[in-house]
Amino acid sequence: MRVLITGGTGLLGRALSASLAAQGHEVIVLSRSPAQHAGRMPGGVRLRAWDAHSAKGWTDVADGAGAIVNLAGENIAAGRWTPERKRRIRESRLNAGRAVVEAVSLATQKPKVVVQASAVGFYGPAGNEELTEEAPPGHDFLAQVCVAWEASTAPVEQEGVRRVILRTGIVLSTDGGALPRMMPPFKLGLGGPLGNGQQWLPWIHIRDHVRAVRFLIEHEESHGPYNLSAPTPVRNVEFTRALGRVLGRPTFMRVPAIGLRLLFGEMATVLLGGQRAVPRRLLEAGFTFEFTQVEAALRDLLT
């Protein structure tokens, strides 16, 4: 099977492409700077240049593809959400979606499935409410971005192409994402809850994320949105204590909410809000998680 991955040079794309290539699938990662990433990609993965807003230069590989996995979008945690940064965050995702739609529309033999990235941020800060895939979207900036991001590839369904949406939680990995950024203060014994620590943290081990994406690609009855997070979300304070136990470090240095808001501005809502998302549709489809307890996931990654 030929699988195309946009945004495939990031954490999730590298892990997914490595898994697929190891099983003998043809994996092509679309990148704006192929030469820059050539040495970082897993063996057997090909890089193809694209402009991140059109199908120019890759329609040949999209034609007859088994799957297009659209992960492309500017990193939301790369800096404060200035008006310009917010514009780039949104537009990078919409442009990539339009490119996928264009590639599908031009394909003589349509791809079998389009896998569209999103995030549990779709639901917005939701307190203690348990969130299945039927929950409505939130109203904050990140929720609005997720709604538009998901909708960006919806037209492929009119072409008869199956579409799956990945509402991903916090992916735990030592190769990138949130966990490596958390580690320095914890290793120094300066780790602690963010704000009051009561916000929910929907997490997923990187191996389960890859397995879930592959499960949804391979199961032709799968369609629509799926929460990609472990069945047991935890509060921030519980995650903090689990990480402290794994590292053998204290976790009493609480980070005040006001400090996070001063440091990160509007982006602090990502750290202080949280969603109690559960993977109801994934479990109903028959997917089995390897890691359901956060401390076991952290020990697997860090010890």
Foldseek 3Di string as FASTA:
>chain_A
DEEEEEVLLDDLNQLLVQVCVVVPYQYEYEDCCCVVRVVPHDPNYHYFYDPLQAQPRPLVSQAPGQEYEYPWFDDPPPAAPDVVNLVRRQVSLLRNLLRNQRSQVPHPHGHQEYEFEAAPCLQPQDAPDEDEPPHHGDDDSRNVSRVSSVVSNVCSVVVVHFYEYEHEFQEDAPVDGDVVVQPPCLLVLQAAFEAVQQAWGFYAYSVQQSVLVVVQSVPSVDHYYFYSGAQDIDTRRVLQVLLCVLSVHHHHNYHHLVVLCVRRPPVSSVRVGHHNYGGVVSVVVPDDGPDRDNSVSSNVRPD
